[in-house]
Amino acid sequence: MSEYFITKNVANMMKEPNPDSALDSQVVAGTIVTVEKRENDYCYVRTPDLYHGWVAQRRLVEAWDRSAYESACVKSLFAPVYAKPDETSFLLTQLVISTRVFFTKETGNFVEIILPDKQIAYVPKTCLVDWQDSGADKNIFEEKWLNSTIDERIKIITDLGEKVVKTAMFFMGTPYLWGGNTPFGMDCSGMTQLVYGLHGLQLSRNSYMQFDDKRFSKIEQGKALDEAVLQAGDLLVFDIKQKGKVDHIGIACGNGTFIQTRGEMLGGGMVIDQCADAYYKRVYIGACRLSASADVNICAS
């Protein structure tokens, strides 16, 4: 098995190795993936969240050592990438929030970056934040967690939840896209994964995986959605299709509301709904919260 970089700003992960397959997830430029097998012109890859899917081979380049470069994180929803340090030059692509970039130097109002295919390009400074300061570095979050007492972790969980809700609000207006997890379009679990990831905690990809994550504890069991004592950041799961299993997820805001990305049947896109809403009370399954005793490394889940 070999490691590769994703070269496209947002690469689709498909269920099957063909262009007519359903979209299953997405992965952003620069992400390191492990290729486990190949078929046709597709590679079956494992992503950092331990998810698997088929990515077109042309979206991959063999990984190379980037340790000599400083890194930054895209903090704006979209970051234009130019061929020259000039906004009138050719636009190469648009990177999305959470993308990690590696840069060589600053040039006026731009940062010179080196793309996964080793092409030099330029991004406005205002679109980036130092990787160490971005909050997205899971190693920093894990180290802080590891060196905290249980009481300190309870405070970390509360602060994390409030930050996650604030970040989720940033995506209001984003359209619904099955399998999506970027500002171009997101599904329910893509949204929860993205906003938690922006604060250093890597979640699994799908809603049922997130609810079953061993790092999270079930809370307020047996209580109705509007009766449960929920705090900002709690994950709420639903059985929308009424088949007796988790198929939808949202995030409690801590004030009797929750934020979610709804499919077209429910209105579509990022919205805030009331916990007292009769429909959501009927399809509600339960809630979970990061446990203060958890090993937060995703491999522990």
C-alpha atoms as a PDB file:
ATOM      1  CA  MET A   1       0.000   0.000   0.000  1.00  0.00           C
ATOM      2  CA  SER A   2       1.292   3.465  -0.929  1.00  0.00           C
ATOM      3  CA  GLU A   3       0.526   7.005   0.209  1.00  0.00           C
ATOM      4  CA  TYR A   4      -0.675   9.661  -2.201  1.00  0.00           C
ATOM      5  CA  PHE A   5      -1.765  13.292  -2.122  1.00  0.00           C
ATOM      6  CA  ILE A   6      -5.129  14.443  -3.413  1.00  0.00           C
ATOM      7  CA  THR A   7      -4.426  16.976  -6.169  1.00  0.00           C
ATOM      8  CA  LYS A   8      -7.900  18.373  -6.904  1.00  0.00           C
ATOM      9  CA  ASN A   9      -9.396  21.046  -4.657  1.00  0.00           C
ATOM     10  CA  VAL A  10     -12.242  18.632  -3.829  1.00  0.00           C
ATOM     11  CA  ALA A  11     -11.993  15.047  -5.068  1.00  0.00           C
ATOM     12  CA  ASN A  12     -15.044  12.793  -5.111  1.00  0.00           C
ATOM     13  CA  MET A  13     -14.989   9.399  -3.432  1.00  0.00           C
ATOM     14  CA  MET A  14     -17.316   6.997  -5.226  1.00  0.00           C
ATOM     15  CA  LYS A  15     -18.997   3.792  -4.080  1.00  0.00           C
ATOM     16  CA  GLU A  16     -17.832   1.944  -7.189  1.00  0.00           C
ATOM     17  CA  PRO A  17     -14.841   2.391  -9.557  1.00  0.00           C
ATOM     18  CA  ASN A  18     -16.724   4.077 -12.392  1.00  0.00           C
ATOM     19  CA  PRO A  19     -17.906   7.618 -13.246  1.00  0.00           C
ATOM     20  CA  ASP A  20     -21.585   6.649 -13.000  1.00  0.00           C
ATOM     21  CA  SER A  21     -21.260   5.491  -9.402  1.00  0.00           C
ATOM     22  CA  ALA A  22     -22.976   7.305  -6.542  1.00  0.00           C
ATOM     23  CA  LEU A  23     -20.978   9.911  -4.645  1.00  0.00           C
ATOM     24  CA  ASP A  24     -20.067   8.572  -1.208  1.00  0.00           C
ATOM     25  CA  SER A  25     -17.783  11.232   0.277  1.00  0.00           C
ATOM     26  CA  GLN A  26     -15.179  13.831  -0.634  1.00  0.00           C
ATOM     27  CA  VAL A  27     -11.574  14.618   0.254  1.00  0.00           C
ATOM     28  CA  VAL A  28      -9.742  17.936  -0.151  1.00  0.00           C
ATOM     29  CA  ALA A  29      -6.476  18.840  -1.841  1.00  0.00           C
ATOM     30  CA  GLY A  30      -3.273  17.830  -0.097  1.00  0.00           C
ATOM     31  CA  THR A  31      -4.888  15.151   2.051  1.00  0.00           C
ATOM     32  CA  ILE A  32      -2.745  12.039   2.393  1.00  0.00           C
ATOM     33  CA  VAL A  33      -4.627   8.889   1.416  1.00  0.00           C
ATOM     34  CA  THR A  34      -3.512   5.276   1.303  1.00  0.00           C
ATOM     35  CA  VAL A  35      -4.138   3.399  -1.937  1.00  0.00           C
ATOM     36  CA  GLU A  36      -5.162  -0.184  -1.197  1.00  0.00           C
ATOM     37  CA  LYS A  37      -6.057  -1.405  -4.688  1.00  0.00           C
ATOM     38  CA  ARG A  38      -6.707  -0.239  -8.238  1.00  0.00           C
ATOM     39  CA  GLU A  39      -9.394  -0.989 -10.789  1.00  0.00           C
ATOM     40  CA  ASN A  40     -10.018   0.594 -14.167  1.00  0.00           C
ATOM     41  CA  ASP A  41      -8.798   4.181 -13.737  1.00  0.00           C
ATOM     42  CA  TYR A  42      -9.752   4.338 -10.057  1.00  0.00           C
ATOM     43  CA  CYS A  43      -7.951   3.758  -6.783  1.00  0.00           C
ATOM     44  CA  TYR A  44      -9.570   2.367  -3.638  1.00  0.00           C
ATOM     45  CA  VAL A  45      -8.265   4.645  -0.904  1.00  0.00           C
ATOM     46  CA  ARG A  46      -8.346   4.967   2.878  1.00  0.00           C
ATOM     47  CA  THR A  47      -8.638   8.529   4.168  1.00  0.00           C
ATOM     48  CA  PRO A  48      -7.432   9.911   7.543  1.00  0.00           C
ATOM     49  CA  ASP A  49     -10.922   9.365   8.998  1.00  0.00           C
ATOM     50  CA  LEU A  50     -10.486   5.636   8.180  1.00  0.00           C
ATOM     51  CA  TYR A  51     -13.140   5.804   5.452  1.00  0.00           C
ATOM     52  CA  HIS A  52     -12.834   3.960   2.144  1.00  0.00           C
ATOM     53  CA  GLY A  53     -13.916   4.798  -1.380  1.00  0.00           C
ATOM     54  CA  TRP A  54     -12.906   4.983  -5.021  1.00  0.00           C
ATOM     55  CA  VAL A  55     -11.062   8.075  -6.289  1.00  0.00           C
ATOM     56  CA  ALA A  56     -10.148   8.702  -9.918  1.00  0.00           C
ATOM     57  CA  GLN A  57      -6.450   7.948 -10.382  1.00  0.00           C
ATOM     58  CA  ARG A  58      -5.895  11.306 -12.102  1.00  0.00           C
ATOM     59  CA  ARG A  59      -6.758  13.033  -8.786  1.00  0.00           C
ATOM     60  CA  LEU A  60      -3.738  11.463  -7.055  1.00  0.00           C
ATOM     61  CA  VAL A  61      -0.014  12.057  -7.015  1.00  0.00           C
ATOM     62  CA  GLU A  62       2.570  10.071  -5.078  1.00  0.00           C
ATOM     63  CA  ALA A  63       3.236  11.651  -1.676  1.00  0.00           C
ATOM     64  CA  TRP A  64       6.498  13.509  -1.167  1.00  0.00           C
ATOM     65  CA  ASP A  65       8.246  15.093   1.825  1.00  0.00           C
ATOM     66  CA  ARG A  66       6.746  18.491   2.732  1.00  0.00           C
ATOM     67  CA  SER A  67       8.541  18.866   6.072  1.00  0.00           C
ATOM     68  CA  ALA A  68      10.781  21.671   4.798  1.00  0.00           C
ATOM     69  CA  TYR A  69       7.777  23.963   4.324  1.00  0.00           C
ATOM     70  CA  GLU A  70       5.641  25.983   6.727  1.00  0.00           C
ATOM     71  CA  SER A  71       1.947  25.181   6.644  1.00  0.00           C
ATOM     72  CA  ALA A  72      -1.287  27.118   6.916  1.00  0.00           C
ATOM     73  CA  CYS A  73      -4.997  26.363   6.898  1.00  0.00           C
ATOM     74  CA  VAL A  74      -7.637  27.867   4.636  1.00  0.00           C
ATOM     75  CA  LYS A  75      -9.928  29.800   7.009  1.00  0.00           C
ATOM     76  CA  SER A  76     -12.321  31.338   4.490  1.00  0.00           C
ATOM     77  CA  LEU A  77     -15.063  29.268   2.868  1.00  0.00           C
ATOM     78  CA  PHE A  78     -13.152  29.483  -0.406  1.00  0.00           C
ATOM     79  CA  ALA A  79      -9.608  30.578  -1.208  1.00  0.00           C
ATOM     80  CA  PRO A  80      -8.772  31.585  -4.786  1.00  0.00           C
ATOM     81  CA  VAL A  81      -5.525  30.132  -6.094  1.00  0.00           C
ATOM     82  CA  TYR A  82      -3.763  32.255  -8.712  1.00  0.00           C
ATOM     83  CA  ALA A  83      -0.964  31.509 -11.155  1.00  0.00           C
ATOM     84  CA  LYS A  84       0.763  34.765 -10.112  1.00  0.00           C
ATOM     85  CA  PRO A  85       0.604  37.034  -7.043  1.00  0.00           C
ATOM     86  CA  ASP A  86      -1.977  39.153  -8.792  1.00  0.00           C
ATOM     87  CA  GLU A  87      -5.776  38.911  -8.611  1.00  0.00           C
ATOM     88  CA  THR A  88      -5.983  39.618 -12.341  1.00  0.00           C
ATOM     89  CA  SER A  89      -3.842  36.578 -13.175  1.00  0.00           C
ATOM     90  CA  PHE A  90      -5.190  33.176 -14.164  1.00  0.00           C
ATOM     91  CA  LEU A  91      -7.354  31.516 -11.500  1.00  0.00           C
ATOM     92  CA  LEU A  92      -6.119  27.946 -11.085  1.00  0.00           C
ATOM     93  CA  THR A  93      -8.716  26.681  -8.623  1.00  0.00           C
ATOM     94  CA  GLN A  94     -10.606  27.439  -5.405  1.00  0.00           C
ATOM     95  CA  LEU A  95      -9.444  25.715  -2.257  1.00  0.00           C
ATOM     96  CA  VAL A  96     -12.005  25.182   0.510  1.00  0.00           C
ATOM     97  CA  ILE A  97     -11.982  25.799   4.249  1.00  0.00           C
ATOM     98  CA  SER A  98      -9.947  23.274   6.290  1.00  0.00           C
ATOM     99  CA  THR A  99      -7.494  22.627   3.423  1.00  0.00           C
ATOM    100  CA  ARG A 100      -3.901  22.523   4.637  1.00  0.00           C
ATOM    101  CA  VAL A 101      -1.450  24.312   2.355  1.00  0.00           C
ATOM    102  CA  PHE A 102       2.333  24.425   2.394  1.00  0.00           C
ATOM    103  CA  PHE A 103       4.040  27.685   1.551  1.00  0.00           C
ATOM    104  CA  THR A 104       7.470  28.949   0.580  1.00  0.00           C
ATOM    105  CA  LYS A 105       7.244  32.698   1.205  1.00  0.00           C
ATOM    106  CA  GLU A 106       5.023  35.760   1.381  1.00  0.00           C
ATOM    107  CA  THR A 107       4.787  38.040  -1.615  1.00  0.00           C
ATOM    108  CA  GLY A 108       2.980  41.308  -0.944  1.00  0.00           C
ATOM    109  CA  ASN A 109      -0.636  40.440  -0.130  1.00  0.00           C
ATOM    110  CA  PHE A 110      -0.129  36.833  -1.228  1.00  0.00           C
ATOM    111  CA  VAL A 111       1.398  33.645   0.090  1.00  0.00           C
ATOM    112  CA  GLU A 112       3.352  31.529  -2.364  1.00  0.00           C
ATOM    113  CA  ILE A 113       2.262  27.920  -1.931  1.00  0.00           C
ATOM    114  CA  ILE A 114       3.436  24.640  -3.375  1.00  0.00           C
ATOM    115  CA  LEU A 115       0.568  22.452  -4.550  1.00  0.00           C
ATOM    116  CA  PRO A 116       0.542  18.641  -4.203  1.00  0.00           C
ATOM    117  CA  ASP A 117       1.731  18.317  -7.822  1.00  0.00           C
ATOM    118  CA  LYS A 118       4.624  20.701  -6.927  1.00  0.00           C
ATOM    119  CA  GLN A 119       3.178  23.560  -8.952  1.00  0.00           C
ATOM    120  CA  ILE A 120       3.799  27.014  -7.460  1.00  0.00           C
ATOM    121  CA  ALA A 121       0.710  29.145  -6.926  1.00  0.00           C
ATOM    122  CA  TYR A 122      -0.506  32.106  -4.887  1.00  0.00           C
ATOM    123  CA  VAL A 123      -3.267  32.576  -2.325  1.00  0.00           C
ATOM    124  CA  PRO A 124      -4.348  35.856  -0.658  1.00  0.00           C
ATOM    125  CA  LYS A 125      -2.988  36.144   2.898  1.00  0.00           C
ATOM    126  CA  THR A 126      -6.444  36.996   4.199  1.00  0.00           C
ATOM    127  CA  CYS A 127      -7.683  33.490   3.317  1.00  0.00           C
ATOM    128  CA  LEU A 128      -5.144  31.690   5.494  1.00  0.00           C
ATOM    129  CA  VAL A 129      -4.231  31.175   9.126  1.00  0.00           C
ATOM    130  CA  ASP A 130      -1.101  29.525  10.482  1.00  0.00           C
ATOM    131  CA  TRP A 131      -1.741  25.781  10.848  1.00  0.00           C
ATOM    132  CA  GLN A 132      -0.651  25.819  14.484  1.00  0.00           C
ATOM    133  CA  ASP A 133      -3.186  28.570  15.226  1.00  0.00           C
ATOM    134  CA  SER A 134      -6.040  27.222  13.109  1.00  0.00           C
ATOM    135  CA  GLY A 135      -7.443  24.794  15.669  1.00  0.00           C
ATOM    136  CA  ALA A 136      -7.607  22.121  12.975  1.00  0.00           C
ATOM    137  CA  ASP A 137      -4.387  20.407  14.037  1.00  0.00           C
ATOM    138  CA  LYS A 138      -5.638  17.238  15.729  1.00  0.00           C
ATOM    139  CA  ASN A 139      -2.200  16.607  17.238  1.00  0.00           C
ATOM    140  CA  ILE A 140      -2.438  19.836  19.236  1.00  0.00           C
ATOM    141  CA  PHE A 141      -5.956  18.986  20.409  1.00  0.00           C
ATOM    142  CA  GLU A 142      -4.933  15.455  21.365  1.00  0.00           C
ATOM    143  CA  GLU A 143      -1.879  16.684  23.279  1.00  0.00           C
ATOM    144  CA  LYS A 144      -3.955  19.234  25.205  1.00  0.00           C
ATOM    145  CA  TRP A 145      -6.509  16.527  25.980  1.00  0.00           C
ATOM    146  CA  LEU A 146      -3.891  14.014  27.077  1.00  0.00           C
ATOM    147  CA  ASN A 147      -2.362  16.497  29.514  1.00  0.00           C
ATOM    148  CA  SER A 148      -5.707  17.484  31.083  1.00  0.00           C
ATOM    149  CA  THR A 149      -7.508  16.254  34.179  1.00  0.00           C
ATOM    150  CA  ILE A 150     -11.096  14.995  33.991  1.00  0.00           C
ATOM    151  CA  ASP A 151     -12.372  18.331  35.314  1.00  0.00           C
ATOM    152  CA  GLU A 152     -10.311  20.197  32.743  1.00  0.00           C
ATOM    153  CA  ARG A 153     -11.649  17.935  30.004  1.00  0.00           C
ATOM    154  CA  ILE A 154     -15.226  18.735  30.974  1.00  0.00           C
ATOM    155  CA  LYS A 155     -14.369  22.409  30.396  1.00  0.00           C
ATOM    156  CA  ILE A 156     -12.678  21.508  27.097  1.00  0.00           C
ATOM    157  CA  ILE A 157     -15.838  19.666  25.975  1.00  0.00           C
ATOM    158  CA  THR A 158     -18.036  22.647  26.855  1.00  0.00           C
ATOM    159  CA  ASP A 159     -15.754  25.108  25.063  1.00  0.00           C
ATOM    160  CA  LEU A 160     -15.425  22.778  22.074  1.00  0.00           C
ATOM    161  CA  GLY A 161     -19.202  22.480  21.761  1.00  0.00           C
ATOM    162  CA  GLU A 162     -19.681  26.243  21.782  1.00  0.00           C
ATOM    163  CA  LYS A 163     -16.962  26.705  19.158  1.00  0.00           C
ATOM    164  CA  VAL A 164     -18.427  23.951  16.980  1.00  0.00           C
ATOM    165  CA  VAL A 165     -21.867  25.582  16.967  1.00  0.00           C
ATOM    166  CA  LYS A 166     -20.377  28.988  16.130  1.00  0.00           C
ATOM    167  CA  THR A 167     -18.420  27.438  13.275  1.00  0.00           C
ATOM    168  CA  ALA A 168     -21.479  25.570  11.988  1.00  0.00           C
ATOM    169  CA  MET A 169     -23.319  28.910  11.729  1.00  0.00           C
ATOM    170  CA  PHE A 170     -20.579  30.014   9.327  1.00  0.00           C
ATOM    171  CA  PHE A 171     -21.985  27.561   6.778  1.00  0.00           C
ATOM    172  CA  MET A 172     -25.562  28.821   6.767  1.00  0.00           C
ATOM    173  CA  GLY A 173     -26.743  28.920   3.150  1.00  0.00           C
ATOM    174  CA  THR A 174     -24.582  25.978   2.057  1.00  0.00           C
ATOM    175  CA  PRO A 175     -26.655  23.685  -0.200  1.00  0.00           C
ATOM    176  CA  TYR A 176     -27.313  20.029   0.513  1.00  0.00           C
ATOM    177  CA  LEU A 177     -25.201  17.477  -1.357  1.00  0.00           C
ATOM    178  CA  TRP A 178     -25.309  13.757  -0.632  1.00  0.00           C
ATOM    179  CA  GLY A 179     -21.727  12.711   0.130  1.00  0.00           C
ATOM    180  CA  GLY A 180     -20.545  16.322   0.305  1.00  0.00           C
ATOM    181  CA  ASN A 181     -18.422  17.755   3.102  1.00  0.00           C
ATOM    182  CA  THR A 182     -17.318  21.180   1.813  1.00  0.00           C
ATOM    183  CA  PRO A 183     -18.894  24.628   1.293  1.00  0.00           C
ATOM    184  CA  PHE A 184     -19.740  23.550  -2.265  1.00  0.00           C
ATOM    185  CA  GLY A 185     -22.364  21.275  -0.681  1.00  0.00           C
ATOM    186  CA  MET A 186     -22.684  19.054   2.394  1.00  0.00           C
ATOM    187  CA  ASP A 187     -24.777  16.245   3.775  1.00  0.00           C
ATOM    188  CA  CYS A 188     -25.660  15.965   7.463  1.00  0.00           C
ATOM    189  CA  SER A 189     -22.669  13.955   8.660  1.00  0.00           C
ATOM    190  CA  GLY A 190     -20.330  15.790   6.296  1.00  0.00           C
ATOM    191  CA  MET A 191     -21.255  18.989   8.132  1.00  0.00           C
ATOM    192  CA  THR A 192     -20.718  17.558  11.608  1.00  0.00           C
ATOM    193  CA  GLN A 193     -17.426  16.008  10.561  1.00  0.00           C
ATOM    194  CA  LEU A 194     -16.191  19.244   9.002  1.00  0.00           C
ATOM    195  CA  VAL A 195     -17.031  21.572  11.892  1.00  0.00           C
ATOM    196  CA  TYR A 196     -15.591  19.246  14.533  1.00  0.00           C
ATOM    197  CA  GLY A 197     -12.510  18.709  12.386  1.00  0.00           C
ATOM    198  CA  LEU A 198     -11.936  22.463  12.189  1.00  0.00           C
ATOM    199  CA  HIS A 199     -11.426  22.313  15.960  1.00  0.00           C
ATOM    200  CA  GLY A 200      -9.069  19.346  15.987  1.00  0.00           C
ATOM    201  CA  LEU A 201     -11.415  16.420  16.617  1.00  0.00           C
ATOM    202  CA  GLN A 202     -11.672  13.993  13.711  1.00  0.00           C
ATOM    203  CA  LEU A 203     -15.072  12.320  13.510  1.00  0.00           C
ATOM    204  CA  SER A 204     -15.984   9.280  11.457  1.00  0.00           C
ATOM    205  CA  ARG A 205     -17.751   9.918   8.160  1.00  0.00           C
ATOM    206  CA  ASN A 206     -21.344   8.713   8.503  1.00  0.00           C
ATOM    207  CA  SER A 207     -24.097   9.576  10.988  1.00  0.00           C
ATOM    208  CA  TYR A 208     -24.427   6.073  12.451  1.00  0.00           C
ATOM    209  CA  MET A 209     -20.637   5.865  12.811  1.00  0.00           C
ATOM    210  CA  GLN A 210     -20.570   9.155  14.686  1.00  0.00           C
ATOM    211  CA  PHE A 211     -23.346   8.051  17.056  1.00  0.00           C
ATOM    212  CA  ASP A 212     -21.634   4.706  17.686  1.00  0.00           C
ATOM    213  CA  ASP A 213     -18.210   6.314  18.206  1.00  0.00           C
ATOM    214  CA  LYS A 214     -16.773   4.861  21.444  1.00  0.00           C
ATOM    215  CA  ARG A 215     -15.265   8.246  22.287  1.00  0.00           C
ATOM    216  CA  PHE A 216     -18.792   9.618  22.762  1.00  0.00           C
ATOM    217  CA  SER A 217     -21.215   8.730  25.546  1.00  0.00           C
ATOM    218  CA  LYS A 218     -24.974   8.407  25.088  1.00  0.00           C
ATOM    219  CA  ILE A 219     -26.732  11.106  27.104  1.00  0.00           C
ATOM    220  CA  GLU A 220     -30.291  11.846  28.290  1.00  0.00           C
ATOM    221  CA  GLN A 221     -31.433   8.400  27.176  1.00  0.00           C
ATOM    222  CA  GLY A 222     -35.159   7.793  27.039  1.00  0.00           C
ATOM    223  CA  LYS A 223     -36.015  11.493  27.033  1.00  0.00           C
ATOM    224  CA  ALA A 224     -37.838  13.324  24.259  1.00  0.00           C
ATOM    225  CA  LEU A 225     -35.871  15.738  22.111  1.00  0.00           C
ATOM    226  CA  ASP A 226     -37.395  18.801  23.768  1.00  0.00           C
ATOM    227  CA  GLU A 227     -37.071  17.338  27.277  1.00  0.00           C
ATOM    228  CA  ALA A 228     -33.442  16.259  27.136  1.00  0.00           C
ATOM    229  CA  VAL A 229     -30.894  18.550  28.802  1.00  0.00           C
ATOM    230  CA  LEU A 230     -28.587  19.241  25.882  1.00  0.00           C
ATOM    231  CA  GLN A 231     -25.550  21.468  25.628  1.00  0.00           C
ATOM    232  CA  ALA A 232     -23.951  23.102  22.617  1.00  0.00           C
ATOM    233  CA  GLY A 233     -22.056  20.576  20.510  1.00  0.00           C
ATOM    234  CA  ASP A 234     -24.040  17.471  21.455  1.00  0.00           C
ATOM    235  CA  LEU A 235     -24.700  15.217  18.473  1.00  0.00           C
ATOM    236  CA  LEU A 236     -28.367  14.431  17.845  1.00  0.00           C
ATOM    237  CA  VAL A 237     -29.420  11.511  15.677  1.00  0.00           C
ATOM    238  CA  PHE A 238     -32.665  10.692  13.890  1.00  0.00           C
ATOM    239  CA  ASP A 239     -34.430   7.952  11.972  1.00  0.00           C
ATOM    240  CA  ILE A 240     -35.781  10.021   9.089  1.00  0.00           C
ATOM    241  CA  LYS A 241     -36.682   7.053   6.894  1.00  0.00           C
ATOM    242  CA  GLN A 242     -38.369   5.275   9.816  1.00  0.00           C
ATOM    243  CA  LYS A 243     -36.442   2.049   9.301  1.00  0.00           C
ATOM    244  CA  GLY A 244     -35.293   1.675  12.873  1.00  0.00           C
ATOM    245  CA  LYS A 245     -31.748   2.956  12.406  1.00  0.00           C
ATOM    246  CA  VAL A 246     -29.726   6.159  12.472  1.00  0.00           C
ATOM    247  CA  ASP A 247     -29.777   7.933   9.118  1.00  0.00           C
ATOM    248  CA  HIS A 248     -29.485  11.630  10.047  1.00  0.00           C
ATOM    249  CA  ILE A 249     -27.482  13.788  12.461  1.00  0.00           C
ATOM    250  CA  GLY A 250     -27.382  17.359  13.717  1.00  0.00           C
ATOM    251  CA  ILE A 251     -25.734  19.439  16.433  1.00  0.00           C
ATOM    252  CA  ALA A 252     -27.469  20.853  19.508  1.00  0.00           C
ATOM    253  CA  CYS A 253     -27.084  24.603  19.911  1.00  0.00           C
ATOM    254  CA  GLY A 254     -27.821  24.468  23.638  1.00  0.00           C
ATOM    255  CA  ASN A 255     -30.848  26.778  23.580  1.00  0.00           C
ATOM    256  CA  GLY A 256     -33.647  24.460  22.527  1.00  0.00           C
ATOM    257  CA  THR A 257     -32.556  24.432  18.908  1.00  0.00           C
ATOM    258  CA  PHE A 258     -30.234  22.360  16.749  1.00  0.00           C
ATOM    259  CA  ILE A 259     -28.374  23.005  13.513  1.00  0.00           C
ATOM    260  CA  GLN A 260     -28.376  20.528  10.666  1.00  0.00           C
ATOM    261  CA  THR A 261     -27.986  20.053   6.943  1.00  0.00           C
ATOM    262  CA  ARG A 262     -31.325  18.850   5.583  1.00  0.00           C
ATOM    263  CA  GLY A 263     -31.964  16.897   2.397  1.00  0.00           C
ATOM    264  CA  GLU A 264     -34.248  18.267  -0.294  1.00  0.00           C
ATOM    265  CA  MET A 265     -37.256  16.358   1.063  1.00  0.00           C
ATOM    266  CA  LEU A 266     -36.973  18.427   4.247  1.00  0.00           C
ATOM    267  CA  GLY A 267     -36.264  21.771   2.618  1.00  0.00           C
ATOM    268  CA  GLY A 268     -32.600  21.418   1.751  1.00  0.00           C
ATOM    269  CA  GLY A 269     -29.419  23.025   3.059  1.00  0.00           C
ATOM    270  CA  MET A 270     -28.128  24.301   6.383  1.00  0.00           C
ATOM    271  CA  VAL A 271     -30.897  25.294   8.792  1.00  0.00           C
ATOM    272  CA  ILE A 272     -31.647  25.751  12.487  1.00  0.00           C
ATOM    273  CA  ASP A 273     -34.681  23.887  13.825  1.00  0.00           C
ATOM    274  CA  GLN A 274     -36.521  23.749  17.125  1.00  0.00           C
ATOM    275  CA  CYS A 275     -36.146  20.756  19.421  1.00  0.00           C
ATOM    276  CA  ALA A 276     -39.877  21.092  20.110  1.00  0.00           C
ATOM    277  CA  ASP A 277     -40.748  20.546  16.447  1.00  0.00           C
ATOM    278  CA  ALA A 278     -43.286  17.700  16.319  1.00  0.00           C
ATOM    279  CA  TYR A 279     -41.676  16.024  13.303  1.00  0.00           C
ATOM    280  CA  TYR A 280     -38.174  15.917  14.765  1.00  0.00           C
ATOM    281  CA  LYS A 281     -39.488  14.773  18.138  1.00  0.00           C
ATOM    282  CA  ARG A 282     -41.132  11.828  16.362  1.00  0.00           C
ATOM    283  CA  VAL A 283     -38.022  10.706  14.460  1.00  0.00           C
ATOM    284  CA  TYR A 284     -35.497  11.494  17.203  1.00  0.00           C
ATOM    285  CA  ILE A 285     -33.379   8.547  18.416  1.00  0.00           C
ATOM    286  CA  GLY A 286     -30.917   9.999  20.887  1.00  0.00           C
ATOM    287  CA  ALA A 287     -27.900  12.161  21.652  1.00  0.00           C
ATOM    288  CA  CYS A 288     -24.242  11.716  22.482  1.00  0.00           C
ATOM    289  CA  ARG A 289     -21.415  13.848  23.847  1.00  0.00           C
ATOM    290  CA  LEU A 290     -17.646  13.485  23.879  1.00  0.00           C
ATOM    291  CA  SER A 291     -16.673  11.573  27.008  1.00  0.00           C
ATOM    292  CA  ALA A 292     -14.187  13.111  29.428  1.00  0.00           C
ATOM    293  CA  SER A 293     -12.525   9.706  29.789  1.00  0.00           C
ATOM    294  CA  ALA A 294     -12.127   9.117  26.037  1.00  0.00           C
ATOM    295  CA  ASP A 295      -8.959   8.516  24.061  1.00  0.00           C
ATOM    296  CA  VAL A 296      -9.702  11.141  21.386  1.00  0.00           C
ATOM    297  CA  ASN A 297      -7.498   9.607  18.686  1.00  0.00           C
ATOM    298  CA  ILE A 298      -9.888   8.373  15.995  1.00  0.00           C
ATOM    299  CA  CYS A 299      -8.164   4.986  15.933  1.00  0.00           C
ATOM    300  CA  ALA A 300      -9.493   4.465  19.456  1.00  0.00           C
ATOM    301  CA  SER A 301     -13.070   4.623  18.203  1.00  0.00           C
END
